Amino acid sequence: MLANVTRTLAAGILGLYTVTRGKCMLETMTLDEKLSISRRAFELLDAGDEEGFSRLLRTAPMPPYLAKIYKEKVGVKELIESGWNLSEADAEFGEDWLSR
């Protein structure tokens, strides 16, 4: 059950498009790169390595809308300490978005 929930969450996090101001924009990481990370991460999960799964999955960019929600609900410090790749949020909101 946990694996199914985790796979569903990962699919959302590894989403291909972000809606920005009513337009769909292709993310900065290619589909092949995201799928490769996902595939390798789930191999780790299937082997029982939940820590490795989580660590590898966090190398994929978190969609900007999720990063914004995370910042608002959990806080900047926790978001930074979580280790997520925030490159797409930085690109969309500006490099200083975490300090605003």
N, C-alpha and C. Protein backbone atom coordinates (compact mmCIF):
# COMPACT_ATOMS: atom_id res chain seq x y z
N MET A 1 0.82 -1.19 0.00
CA MET A 1 0.00 0.00 0.00
C MET A 1 0.87 1.26 0.00
N LEU A 2 1.90 1.29 0.87
CA LEU A 2 2.79 2.46 0.93
C LEU A 2 3.45 2.69 -0.41
N ALA A 3 3.87 1.62 -1.06
CA ALA A 3 4.54 1.77 -2.36
C ALA A 3 3.59 2.40 -3.38
N ASN A 4 2.31 2.03 -3.38
CA ASN A 4 1.34 2.60 -4.32
C ASN A 4 1.13 4.08 -4.04
N VAL A 5 1.00 4.44 -2.77
CA VAL A 5 0.83 5.86 -2.41
C VAL A 5 2.08 6.63 -2.80
N THR A 6 3.23 6.07 -2.51
CA THR A 6 4.49 6.73 -2.84
C THR A 6 4.63 6.91 -4.34
N ARG A 7 4.24 5.92 -5.11
CA ARG A 7 4.31 6.02 -6.58
C ARG A 7 3.39 7.12 -7.08
N THR A 8 2.21 7.24 -6.49
CA THR A 8 1.27 8.29 -6.89
C THR A 8 1.85 9.65 -6.59
N LEU A 9 2.42 9.83 -5.40
CA LEU A 9 3.04 11.11 -5.04
C LEU A 9 4.20 11.43 -5.97
N ALA A 10 5.00 10.43 -6.26
CA ALA A 10 6.15 10.64 -7.14
C ALA A 10 5.69 11.05 -8.53
N ALA A 11 4.62 10.46 -9.01
CA ALA A 11 4.12 10.83 -10.34
C ALA A 11 3.73 12.30 -10.37
N GLY A 12 3.12 12.80 -9.31
CA GLY A 12 2.77 14.21 -9.24
C GLY A 12 3.99 15.10 -9.17
N ILE A 13 4.97 14.69 -8.39
CA ILE A 13 6.19 15.48 -8.24
C ILE A 13 6.98 15.49 -9.53
N LEU A 14 6.96 14.41 -10.26
CA LEU A 14 7.71 14.32 -11.50
C LEU A 14 6.87 14.78 -12.70
N GLY A 15 5.84 15.56 -12.43
CA GLY A 15 4.95 16.05 -13.49
C GLY A 15 5.73 16.70 -14.62
N LEU A 16 5.22 16.56 -15.82
CA LEU A 16 5.93 17.06 -16.98
C LEU A 16 5.73 18.55 -17.22
N TYR A 17 4.59 19.06 -16.80
CA TYR A 17 4.27 20.44 -17.10
C TYR A 17 3.87 21.19 -15.84
N THR A 18 4.13 22.46 -15.85
CA THR A 18 3.67 23.35 -14.79
C THR A 18 2.80 24.40 -15.45
N VAL A 19 1.65 24.66 -14.88
CA VAL A 19 0.79 25.70 -15.42
C VAL A 19 1.21 27.02 -14.78
N THR A 20 1.62 27.94 -15.62
CA THR A 20 2.07 29.25 -15.17
C THR A 20 1.31 30.31 -15.93
N ARG A 21 0.57 31.12 -15.17
CA ARG A 21 -0.22 32.18 -15.76
C ARG A 21 -1.07 31.67 -16.91
N GLY A 22 -1.70 30.50 -16.71
CA GLY A 22 -2.60 29.94 -17.70
C GLY A 22 -1.94 29.23 -18.86
N LYS A 23 -0.60 29.13 -18.89
CA LYS A 23 0.09 28.47 -19.98
C LYS A 23 0.83 27.25 -19.44
N CYS A 24 0.85 26.19 -20.22
CA CYS A 24 1.64 25.01 -19.85
C CYS A 24 3.07 25.22 -20.34
N MET A 25 4.01 25.03 -19.44
CA MET A 25 5.41 25.22 -19.79
C MET A 25 6.16 23.92 -19.51
N LEU A 26 6.94 23.46 -20.47
CA LEU A 26 7.76 22.27 -20.29
C LEU A 26 8.79 22.55 -19.21
N GLU A 27 8.97 21.62 -18.30
CA GLU A 27 9.93 21.78 -17.22
C GLU A 27 11.37 21.79 -17.76
N THR A 28 12.30 22.21 -16.92
CA THR A 28 13.68 22.32 -17.35
C THR A 28 14.38 20.97 -17.48
N MET A 29 13.94 19.98 -16.75
CA MET A 29 14.50 18.65 -16.87
C MET A 29 13.69 17.90 -17.93
N THR A 30 14.35 17.20 -18.79
CA THR A 30 13.63 16.51 -19.86
C THR A 30 12.82 15.34 -19.30
N LEU A 31 11.86 14.92 -20.07
CA LEU A 31 11.04 13.77 -19.70
C LEU A 31 11.92 12.55 -19.48
N ASP A 32 12.85 12.31 -20.38
CA ASP A 32 13.74 11.15 -20.24
C ASP A 32 14.54 11.21 -18.95
N GLU A 33 15.01 12.39 -18.59
CA GLU A 33 15.76 12.53 -17.34
C GLU A 33 14.88 12.24 -16.13
N LYS A 34 13.66 12.77 -16.13
CA LYS A 34 12.74 12.53 -15.01
C LYS A 34 12.37 11.06 -14.92
N LEU A 35 12.09 10.44 -16.05
CA LEU A 35 11.73 9.03 -16.04
C LEU A 35 12.89 8.15 -15.60
N SER A 36 14.09 8.52 -15.98
CA SER A 36 15.27 7.77 -15.57
C SER A 36 15.45 7.84 -14.06
N ILE A 37 15.29 9.02 -13.50
CA ILE A 37 15.38 9.18 -12.04
C ILE A 37 14.28 8.37 -11.37
N SER A 38 13.08 8.48 -11.88
CA SER A 38 11.95 7.75 -11.31
C SER A 38 12.18 6.25 -11.35
N ARG A 39 12.62 5.76 -12.50
CA ARG A 39 12.87 4.32 -12.66
C ARG A 39 13.92 3.83 -11.66
N ARG A 40 15.02 4.57 -11.57
CA ARG A 40 16.08 4.18 -10.64
C ARG A 40 15.61 4.26 -9.19
N ALA A 41 14.82 5.31 -8.88
CA ALA A 41 14.32 5.48 -7.52
C ALA A 41 13.41 4.32 -7.14
N PHE A 42 12.51 3.93 -8.04
CA PHE A 42 11.60 2.83 -7.73
C PHE A 42 12.31 1.49 -7.66
N GLU A 43 13.41 1.34 -8.36
CA GLU A 43 14.22 0.13 -8.21
C GLU A 43 14.75 0.05 -6.78
N LEU A 44 15.18 1.20 -6.26
CA LEU A 44 15.65 1.24 -4.88
C LEU A 44 14.52 0.93 -3.90
N LEU A 45 13.36 1.51 -4.14
CA LEU A 45 12.21 1.27 -3.27
C LEU A 45 11.81 -0.20 -3.30
N ASP A 46 11.76 -0.77 -4.50
CA ASP A 46 11.41 -2.18 -4.63
C ASP A 46 12.42 -3.09 -3.93
N ALA A 47 13.67 -2.63 -3.83
CA ALA A 47 14.71 -3.40 -3.14
C ALA A 47 14.69 -3.14 -1.63
N GLY A 48 13.76 -2.30 -1.19
CA GLY A 48 13.64 -2.03 0.24
C GLY A 48 14.45 -0.85 0.74
N ASP A 49 15.05 -0.09 -0.16
CA ASP A 49 15.87 1.06 0.23
C ASP A 49 15.04 2.35 0.16
N GLU A 50 14.23 2.58 1.18
CA GLU A 50 13.37 3.76 1.18
C GLU A 50 14.18 5.05 1.29
N GLU A 51 15.28 5.02 2.03
CA GLU A 51 16.14 6.21 2.15
C GLU A 51 16.77 6.56 0.81
N GLY A 52 17.27 5.56 0.11
CA GLY A 52 17.86 5.79 -1.21
C GLY A 52 16.82 6.29 -2.19
N PHE A 53 15.61 5.71 -2.12
CA PHE A 53 14.51 6.15 -2.97
C PHE A 53 14.24 7.64 -2.75
N SER A 54 14.09 8.02 -1.50
CA SER A 54 13.77 9.41 -1.17
C SER A 54 14.89 10.35 -1.61
N ARG A 55 16.12 9.95 -1.34
CA ARG A 55 17.28 10.79 -1.69
C ARG A 55 17.36 10.99 -3.21
N LEU A 56 17.18 9.93 -3.97
CA LEU A 56 17.27 10.03 -5.42
C LEU A 56 16.09 10.81 -6.00
N LEU A 57 14.89 10.57 -5.49
CA LEU A 57 13.72 11.27 -6.00
C LEU A 57 13.85 12.78 -5.81
N ARG A 58 14.50 13.20 -4.75
CA ARG A 58 14.66 14.63 -4.46
C ARG A 58 15.62 15.33 -5.42
N THR A 59 16.31 14.56 -6.25
CA THR A 59 17.18 15.18 -7.25
C THR A 59 16.39 15.72 -8.43
N ALA A 60 15.17 15.22 -8.61
CA ALA A 60 14.29 15.75 -9.66
C ALA A 60 13.71 17.08 -9.18
N PRO A 61 13.56 18.05 -10.06
CA PRO A 61 13.03 19.34 -9.63
C PRO A 61 11.60 19.22 -9.08
N MET A 62 11.39 19.83 -7.94
CA MET A 62 10.03 19.92 -7.40
C MET A 62 9.28 20.95 -8.23
N PRO A 63 8.07 20.62 -8.69
CA PRO A 63 7.31 21.61 -9.45
C PRO A 63 7.13 22.90 -8.65
N PRO A 64 7.25 24.04 -9.30
CA PRO A 64 7.17 25.32 -8.59
C PRO A 64 5.93 25.49 -7.72
N TYR A 65 4.76 25.03 -8.21
CA TYR A 65 3.55 25.21 -7.39
C TYR A 65 3.65 24.42 -6.09
N LEU A 66 4.28 23.22 -6.12
CA LEU A 66 4.45 22.45 -4.90
C LEU A 66 5.47 23.10 -3.97
N ALA A 67 6.53 23.65 -4.55
CA ALA A 67 7.55 24.33 -3.74
C ALA A 67 6.94 25.53 -3.02
N LYS A 68 6.08 26.25 -3.71
CA LYS A 68 5.43 27.42 -3.10
C LYS A 68 4.52 26.99 -1.94
N ILE A 69 3.75 25.92 -2.15
CA ILE A 69 2.88 25.42 -1.09
C ILE A 69 3.72 24.93 0.09
N TYR A 70 4.78 24.20 -0.19
CA TYR A 70 5.68 23.69 0.85
C TYR A 70 6.22 24.86 1.67
N LYS A 71 6.67 25.90 0.98
CA LYS A 71 7.21 27.07 1.66
C LYS A 71 6.16 27.69 2.59
N GLU A 72 4.95 27.84 2.09
CA GLU A 72 3.89 28.47 2.87
C GLU A 72 3.42 27.62 4.03
N LYS A 73 3.35 26.32 3.85
CA LYS A 73 2.78 25.43 4.87
C LYS A 73 3.80 24.89 5.87
N VAL A 74 5.03 24.68 5.41
CA VAL A 74 6.03 24.05 6.28
C VAL A 74 7.12 25.03 6.69
N GLY A 75 7.46 25.95 5.80
CA GLY A 75 8.47 26.95 6.12
C GLY A 75 9.71 26.84 5.25
N VAL A 76 10.39 27.96 5.14
CA VAL A 76 11.58 28.05 4.29
C VAL A 76 12.70 27.14 4.79
N LYS A 77 12.96 27.19 6.08
CA LYS A 77 14.06 26.39 6.64
C LYS A 77 13.85 24.91 6.35
N GLU A 78 12.65 24.43 6.59
CA GLU A 78 12.35 23.02 6.36
C GLU A 78 12.42 22.67 4.88
N LEU A 79 11.96 23.57 4.02
CA LEU A 79 12.04 23.33 2.59
C LEU A 79 13.48 23.18 2.14
N ILE A 80 14.33 24.08 2.59
CA ILE A 80 15.75 24.01 2.23
C ILE A 80 16.38 22.74 2.78
N GLU A 81 16.09 22.44 4.05
CA GLU A 81 16.68 21.26 4.68
C GLU A 81 16.16 19.95 4.10
N SER A 82 15.01 19.99 3.42
CA SER A 82 14.45 18.77 2.85
C SER A 82 15.31 18.23 1.71
N GLY A 83 16.09 19.08 1.11
CA GLY A 83 17.01 18.64 0.06
C GLY A 83 16.42 18.55 -1.33
N TRP A 84 15.21 19.04 -1.52
CA TRP A 84 14.60 18.99 -2.85
C TRP A 84 15.34 19.89 -3.84
N ASN A 85 15.36 19.49 -5.07
CA ASN A 85 15.89 20.31 -6.16
C ASN A 85 14.86 21.41 -6.43
N LEU A 86 15.22 22.65 -6.19
CA LEU A 86 14.31 23.79 -6.34
C LEU A 86 14.64 24.63 -7.57
N SER A 87 15.35 24.06 -8.51
CA SER A 87 15.80 24.83 -9.67
C SER A 87 14.65 25.40 -10.49
N GLU A 88 13.58 24.66 -10.64
CA GLU A 88 12.46 25.16 -11.45
C GLU A 88 11.68 26.25 -10.71
N ALA A 89 11.58 26.13 -9.39
CA ALA A 89 10.94 27.19 -8.60
C ALA A 89 11.81 28.45 -8.65
N ASP A 90 13.11 28.29 -8.58
CA ASP A 90 14.02 29.45 -8.69
C ASP A 90 13.84 30.12 -10.05
N ALA A 91 13.73 29.33 -11.09
CA ALA A 91 13.58 29.89 -12.44
C ALA A 91 12.24 30.61 -12.59
N GLU A 92 11.20 30.06 -11.99
CA GLU A 92 9.88 30.66 -12.14
C GLU A 92 9.66 31.86 -11.23
N PHE A 93 10.10 31.76 -9.98
CA PHE A 93 9.81 32.81 -9.00
C PHE A 93 10.96 33.78 -8.77
N GLY A 94 12.13 33.48 -9.33
CA GLY A 94 13.32 34.30 -9.11
C GLY A 94 14.19 33.70 -8.03
N GLU A 95 15.47 33.95 -8.13
CA GLU A 95 16.44 33.36 -7.21
C GLU A 95 16.16 33.71 -5.74
N ASP A 96 15.52 34.85 -5.49
CA ASP A 96 15.31 35.30 -4.11
C ASP A 96 13.93 34.94 -3.56
N TRP A 97 13.19 34.06 -4.22
CA TRP A 97 11.81 33.78 -3.82
C TRP A 97 11.71 33.21 -2.42
N LEU A 98 12.72 32.51 -1.96
CA LEU A 98 12.65 31.95 -0.61
C LEU A 98 12.79 33.01 0.48
N SER A 99 13.40 34.12 0.15
CA SER A 99 13.58 35.18 1.16
C SER A 99 12.45 36.19 1.14
N ARG A 100 11.53 36.05 0.21
CA ARG A 100 10.39 36.99 0.16
C ARG A 100 9.20 36.44 0.89
